[in-house]
């Protein structure tokens, strides 16, 4: 008899054509007599909209759950949302990719059966990924949402307003003032996300760094800079319309330009389950087609 493992299942509710992967996963977990706890929103979507019969051990909402392993079914956006629900619970996350690119969720639906077998035979590894914590100072400065980012924190202009001015201090020492549409501060995990699309470098996980990358900078000599992640960053923003956006792993909030942002490494990591045959470098080759000859 297989050991009893408790799984918490999260998923994308906007992929009706990918529900067959969920059916396959549930079938495999049933073979192992696993305990299955399902996020209430995802459960409602699967049972009421997709007509899938799920024999769940329990249904949960919010952060009121615990498990041995969390499973995220979707793309990297779903994985980030799952990480925000996991928070500091220290539960490792397995990402099954039913989305597009998938750097975090890199297990294909075809690998589900073999991957679950790996979990039960303990033939996998766990990567520790650093997280950015955001704090605020100033009038009406408190953030309403979860102030932690696995990928990045982006400070951006609002709507079609003119560019903003972002003063950056590192451990209290002035670094630079960026005149730009925004600024991205990312972890190594986030280096293959938004930051990559604006010219930021790809950073190997566990490198112990943050990267600062301007978005549409007004200055041609503004370039990305990588810093050790033990520093504290202070951001002061000036804007003509006196407000700006803070996007934490894509969760956006409006802030007044009297708000000062303080960024530092969070006191916990997010655990990511990786199959032993997968590596960061193989993912780069497969997802970004490194070394591929476009003439072939």
Protein backbone atom coordinates (compact mmCIF):
# COMPACT_ATOMS: atom_id res chain seq x y z
CA UNK A 1 0.00 0.00 0.00
CA UNK A 2 1.29 3.44 -0.91
CA UNK A 3 2.08 5.91 1.85
CA UNK A 4 -0.64 8.43 2.60
CA UNK A 5 0.22 11.74 0.95
CA UNK A 6 -1.96 14.82 1.25
CA UNK A 7 -2.18 16.92 -1.93
CA UNK A 8 -3.62 20.45 -2.23
CA UNK A 9 -4.85 21.10 -5.78
CA UNK A 10 -5.00 24.55 -7.40
CA UNK A 11 -5.76 25.32 -11.03
CA UNK A 12 -6.56 27.69 -13.85
CA UNK A 13 -10.31 28.20 -14.31
CA UNK A 14 -9.93 29.70 -17.80
CA UNK A 15 -8.73 26.62 -19.68
CA UNK A 16 -11.80 24.46 -20.43
CA UNK A 17 -10.00 22.58 -23.21
CA UNK A 18 -7.34 21.38 -20.76
CA UNK A 19 -9.65 19.64 -18.28
CA UNK A 20 -8.60 16.20 -19.52
CA UNK A 21 -5.27 16.73 -17.75
CA UNK A 22 -7.12 17.22 -14.45
CA UNK A 23 -9.08 14.00 -15.02
CA UNK A 24 -5.81 12.16 -15.65
CA UNK A 25 -4.21 13.61 -12.50
CA UNK A 26 -7.18 12.72 -10.30
CA UNK A 27 -7.18 9.18 -11.70
CA UNK A 28 -3.48 8.71 -10.94
CA UNK A 29 -3.84 10.11 -7.40
CA UNK A 30 -6.77 7.75 -6.82
CA UNK A 31 -4.54 4.79 -7.72
CA UNK A 32 -2.19 5.83 -4.93
CA UNK A 33 -5.09 6.38 -2.50
CA UNK A 34 -3.91 9.95 -1.99
CA UNK A 35 -5.77 12.47 0.14
CA UNK A 36 -6.96 15.23 -2.19
CA UNK A 37 -7.78 18.71 -0.94
CA UNK A 38 -9.10 21.03 -3.65
CA UNK A 39 -9.26 24.82 -3.77
CA UNK A 40 -12.97 25.77 -3.60
CA UNK A 41 -12.94 27.99 -6.70
CA UNK A 42 -11.20 25.33 -8.79
CA UNK A 43 -13.50 22.61 -7.42
CA UNK A 44 -16.61 24.60 -8.37
CA UNK A 45 -15.21 25.19 -11.86
CA UNK A 46 -14.39 21.52 -12.41
CA UNK A 47 -17.62 20.07 -11.03
CA UNK A 48 -20.21 22.64 -12.10
CA UNK A 49 -18.76 24.00 -15.34
CA UNK A 50 -16.77 21.01 -16.60
CA UNK A 51 -18.94 18.24 -15.13
CA UNK A 52 -15.97 16.36 -13.69
CA UNK A 53 -16.67 14.01 -10.80
CA UNK A 54 -14.10 14.63 -8.07
CA UNK A 55 -13.96 12.55 -4.91
CA UNK A 56 -12.11 15.14 -2.83
CA UNK A 57 -11.10 14.54 0.77
CA UNK A 58 -11.93 18.17 1.52
CA UNK A 59 -12.59 21.54 -0.10
CA UNK A 60 -10.81 24.62 1.24
CA UNK A 61 -10.85 28.38 0.82
CA UNK A 62 -8.28 31.09 1.47
CA UNK A 63 -5.21 30.04 3.45
CA UNK A 64 -7.05 27.60 5.73
CA UNK A 65 -5.37 24.40 4.51
CA UNK A 66 -2.31 22.25 4.87
CA UNK A 67 -0.76 19.53 2.73
CA UNK A 68 2.39 17.56 2.00
CA UNK A 69 2.51 18.72 -1.62
CA UNK A 70 0.68 21.43 -3.57
CA UNK A 71 -0.13 20.92 -7.25
CA UNK A 72 -0.61 23.87 -9.57
CA UNK A 73 -2.35 23.10 -12.88
CA UNK A 74 -2.04 25.89 -15.43
CA UNK A 75 0.78 28.13 -16.52
CA UNK A 76 3.29 30.22 -14.63
CA UNK A 77 0.57 32.71 -13.65
CA UNK A 78 -1.33 29.92 -11.90
CA UNK A 79 1.91 28.83 -10.22
CA UNK A 80 2.49 32.37 -8.90
CA UNK A 81 -1.08 32.50 -7.58
CA UNK A 82 -0.53 29.14 -5.89
CA UNK A 83 2.69 30.40 -4.29
CA UNK A 84 0.75 33.39 -2.94
CA UNK A 85 -1.70 30.97 -1.31
CA UNK A 86 1.07 28.74 0.05
CA UNK A 87 2.91 31.71 1.57
CA UNK A 88 5.22 30.55 4.37
CA UNK A 89 3.58 27.14 4.89
CA UNK A 90 6.74 25.45 3.58
CA UNK A 91 4.71 23.21 1.24
CA UNK A 92 6.59 22.25 -1.96
CA UNK A 93 4.77 23.05 -5.21
CA UNK A 94 4.58 20.86 -8.31
CA UNK A 95 3.70 22.81 -11.44
CA UNK A 96 1.88 20.94 -14.21
CA UNK A 97 1.93 23.07 -17.34
CA UNK A 98 -1.35 23.35 -19.24
CA UNK A 99 -0.46 26.89 -20.30
CA UNK A 100 2.06 28.18 -22.82
CA UNK A 101 5.76 28.61 -21.99
CA UNK A 102 6.01 27.31 -18.43
CA UNK A 103 9.29 27.98 -16.62
CA UNK A 104 7.85 27.34 -13.15
CA UNK A 105 5.15 24.91 -14.26
CA UNK A 106 7.39 22.71 -16.37
CA UNK A 107 5.79 19.27 -16.01
CA UNK A 108 3.86 18.37 -19.16
CA UNK A 109 0.49 16.56 -19.00
CA UNK A 110 2.19 13.58 -20.65
CA UNK A 111 4.53 13.32 -17.65
CA UNK A 112 1.81 13.25 -14.96
CA UNK A 113 1.77 9.51 -14.28
CA UNK A 114 5.56 9.18 -14.22
CA UNK A 115 5.93 12.34 -12.13
CA UNK A 116 3.48 11.18 -9.43
CA UNK A 117 5.39 7.90 -9.34
CA UNK A 118 8.58 9.92 -8.74
CA UNK A 119 6.91 11.71 -5.82
CA UNK A 120 6.03 8.44 -4.12
CA UNK A 121 9.47 6.95 -4.74
CA UNK A 122 11.10 10.21 -3.60
CA UNK A 123 13.12 10.46 -6.80
CA UNK A 124 12.86 14.22 -7.19
CA UNK A 125 14.52 17.32 -5.81
CA UNK A 126 13.24 20.52 -4.22
CA UNK A 127 14.56 23.90 -5.34
CA UNK A 128 14.42 26.77 -2.85
CA UNK A 129 13.35 30.03 -4.53
CA UNK A 130 13.82 33.42 -2.88
CA UNK A 131 10.95 35.87 -2.42
CA UNK A 132 10.82 39.69 -2.29
CA UNK A 133 8.97 41.37 0.57
CA UNK A 134 7.45 44.83 0.01
CA UNK A 135 6.80 47.34 2.76
CA UNK A 136 5.51 50.89 2.47
CA UNK A 137 5.95 54.17 4.26
CA UNK A 138 4.00 57.42 3.87
CA UNK A 139 0.43 58.69 3.84
CA UNK A 140 -2.19 55.99 3.13
CA UNK A 141 0.69 53.68 2.26
CA UNK A 142 -0.43 50.21 3.28
CA UNK A 143 -0.78 47.65 0.49
CA UNK A 144 -4.09 45.80 0.40
CA UNK A 145 -2.85 42.59 -1.19
CA UNK A 146 -0.24 39.96 -0.35
CA UNK A 147 3.05 41.93 -0.24
CA UNK A 148 5.41 39.15 -1.36
CA UNK A 149 6.69 38.37 -4.86
CA UNK A 150 8.23 35.17 -6.17
CA UNK A 151 8.91 36.73 -9.58
CA UNK A 152 9.08 40.51 -9.42
CA UNK A 153 7.91 43.82 -8.07
CA UNK A 154 7.22 46.35 -10.83
CA UNK A 155 6.74 50.06 -10.21
CA UNK A 156 4.87 51.47 -13.22
CA UNK A 157 3.23 54.63 -14.46
CA UNK A 158 -0.57 54.65 -14.51
CA UNK A 159 -2.61 54.62 -17.72
CA UNK A 160 -1.24 56.94 -20.41
CA UNK A 161 0.42 59.39 -18.05
CA UNK A 162 3.93 60.67 -18.68
CA UNK A 163 6.93 58.75 -17.41
CA UNK A 164 7.66 58.63 -13.70
CA UNK A 165 10.80 59.41 -11.71
CA UNK A 166 12.04 56.61 -9.43
CA UNK A 167 14.82 57.30 -6.94
CA UNK A 168 16.58 54.14 -5.75
CA UNK A 169 18.69 53.76 -2.63
CA UNK A 170 20.65 50.62 -1.74
CA UNK A 171 21.10 50.17 2.01
CA UNK A 172 20.52 53.90 2.35
CA UNK A 173 23.06 54.89 -0.32
CA UNK A 174 21.78 56.67 -3.43
CA UNK A 175 22.10 54.53 -6.57
CA UNK A 176 20.26 56.40 -9.33
CA UNK A 177 17.06 58.17 -10.31
CA UNK A 178 15.36 56.47 -13.23
CA UNK A 179 13.20 58.49 -15.63
CA UNK A 180 11.15 55.74 -17.22
CA UNK A 181 7.76 54.09 -17.65
CA UNK A 182 8.69 51.92 -14.72
CA UNK A 183 11.22 49.81 -12.87
CA UNK A 184 11.32 46.05 -12.27
CA UNK A 185 13.00 44.46 -9.26
CA UNK A 186 13.10 40.71 -9.77
CA UNK A 187 14.38 37.55 -8.16
CA UNK A 188 16.35 34.98 -10.21
CA UNK A 189 13.04 33.14 -10.66
CA UNK A 190 11.52 36.29 -12.19
CA UNK A 191 14.43 36.83 -14.57
CA UNK A 192 12.63 34.74 -17.23
CA UNK A 193 9.39 36.71 -16.77
CA UNK A 194 8.52 40.37 -17.27
CA UNK A 195 12.14 41.48 -16.75
CA UNK A 196 13.33 39.35 -19.68
CA UNK A 197 10.92 41.13 -22.04
CA UNK A 198 12.48 44.52 -21.27
CA UNK A 199 16.08 43.43 -21.64
CA UNK A 200 16.93 42.08 -18.19
CA UNK A 201 19.48 39.25 -17.82
CA UNK A 202 18.61 35.63 -17.21
CA UNK A 203 19.79 34.71 -13.71
CA UNK A 204 20.42 31.20 -12.44
CA UNK A 205 18.20 30.26 -9.46
CA UNK A 206 19.84 30.17 -6.01
CA UNK A 207 22.35 32.83 -7.11
CA UNK A 208 21.38 35.03 -4.16
CA UNK A 209 20.64 38.17 -6.19
CA UNK A 210 18.09 40.81 -7.10
CA UNK A 211 18.05 42.59 -10.45
CA UNK A 212 16.88 46.14 -11.19
CA UNK A 213 15.74 46.74 -14.78
CA UNK A 214 14.18 49.97 -16.13
CA UNK A 215 11.11 49.85 -18.36
CA UNK A 216 11.35 52.18 -21.40
CA UNK A 217 14.00 54.35 -19.81
CA UNK A 218 14.39 57.97 -21.01
CA UNK A 219 18.16 57.55 -20.68
CA UNK A 220 20.11 55.36 -23.10
CA UNK A 221 22.78 54.64 -20.47
CA UNK A 222 20.33 53.16 -17.94
CA UNK A 223 21.12 49.45 -17.80
CA UNK A 224 20.04 46.53 -15.60
CA UNK A 225 22.07 46.01 -12.44
CA UNK A 226 22.32 42.87 -10.33
CA UNK A 227 22.73 43.15 -6.55
CA UNK A 228 23.12 40.64 -3.75
CA UNK A 229 19.72 39.93 -2.20
CA UNK A 230 20.83 40.84 1.31
CA UNK A 231 20.47 44.55 0.56
CA UNK A 232 17.48 46.75 1.35
CA UNK A 233 16.12 48.81 -1.52
CA UNK A 234 14.21 52.05 -0.99
CA UNK A 235 12.17 53.46 -3.88
CA UNK A 236 10.75 56.99 -3.94
CA UNK A 237 8.47 57.82 -6.88
CA UNK A 238 7.47 61.17 -8.37
CA UNK A 239 4.64 61.39 -10.90
CA UNK A 240 2.82 64.25 -12.61
CA UNK A 241 -0.54 62.79 -11.68
CA UNK A 242 0.73 62.01 -8.14
CA UNK A 243 0.17 58.27 -8.26
CA UNK A 244 1.67 55.12 -9.70
CA UNK A 245 1.13 51.35 -9.84
CA UNK A 246 2.87 48.65 -7.86
CA UNK A 247 2.55 45.23 -9.48
CA UNK A 248 3.57 42.33 -7.20
CA UNK A 249 3.73 39.19 -9.35
CA UNK A 250 1.10 40.84 -11.55
CA UNK A 251 -1.22 41.87 -8.70
CA UNK A 252 -1.53 45.62 -9.24
CA UNK A 253 -2.34 48.35 -6.72
CA UNK A 254 -2.42 52.11 -7.09
CA UNK A 255 -0.19 54.11 -4.73
CA UNK A 256 0.18 57.80 -4.01
CA UNK A 257 3.55 59.31 -4.84
CA UNK A 258 3.87 60.16 -1.15
CA UNK A 259 4.37 56.41 -0.66
CA UNK A 260 7.90 55.09 -0.20
CA UNK A 261 8.59 51.43 -1.02
CA UNK A 262 11.06 49.30 0.92
CA UNK A 263 12.07 46.00 -0.68
CA UNK A 264 14.08 43.20 0.93
CA UNK A 265 14.41 39.43 0.77
CA UNK A 266 11.54 37.71 2.56
CA UNK A 267 12.25 35.53 5.62
CA UNK A 268 11.03 32.40 3.79
CA UNK A 269 11.49 30.65 0.44
CA UNK A 270 9.07 28.97 -1.94
CA UNK A 271 9.84 25.30 -2.54
CA UNK A 272 9.57 24.12 -6.15
CA UNK A 273 9.49 20.41 -7.01
CA UNK A 274 11.72 19.47 -9.93
CA UNK A 275 12.07 16.12 -11.63
CA UNK A 276 15.66 14.92 -11.52
CA UNK A 277 15.92 14.84 -15.29
CA UNK A 278 14.85 18.51 -15.49
CA UNK A 279 17.29 21.36 -14.92
CA UNK A 280 17.31 25.12 -15.34
CA UNK A 281 19.66 24.77 -18.32
CA UNK A 282 17.56 22.13 -20.07
CA UNK A 283 14.52 24.36 -19.57
CA UNK A 284 16.36 27.27 -21.23
CA UNK A 285 17.22 25.06 -24.19
CA UNK A 286 13.68 23.74 -24.54
CA UNK A 287 11.64 26.86 -23.76
CA UNK A 288 13.90 29.56 -25.27
CA UNK A 289 15.41 27.25 -27.92
CA UNK A 290 18.97 28.10 -26.94
CA UNK A 291 21.43 26.69 -29.44
CA UNK A 292 18.72 25.93 -31.99
CA UNK A 293 19.56 26.74 -35.59
CA UNK A 294 16.64 28.76 -37.05
CA UNK A 295 17.65 27.60 -40.53
CA UNK A 296 16.82 24.00 -39.68
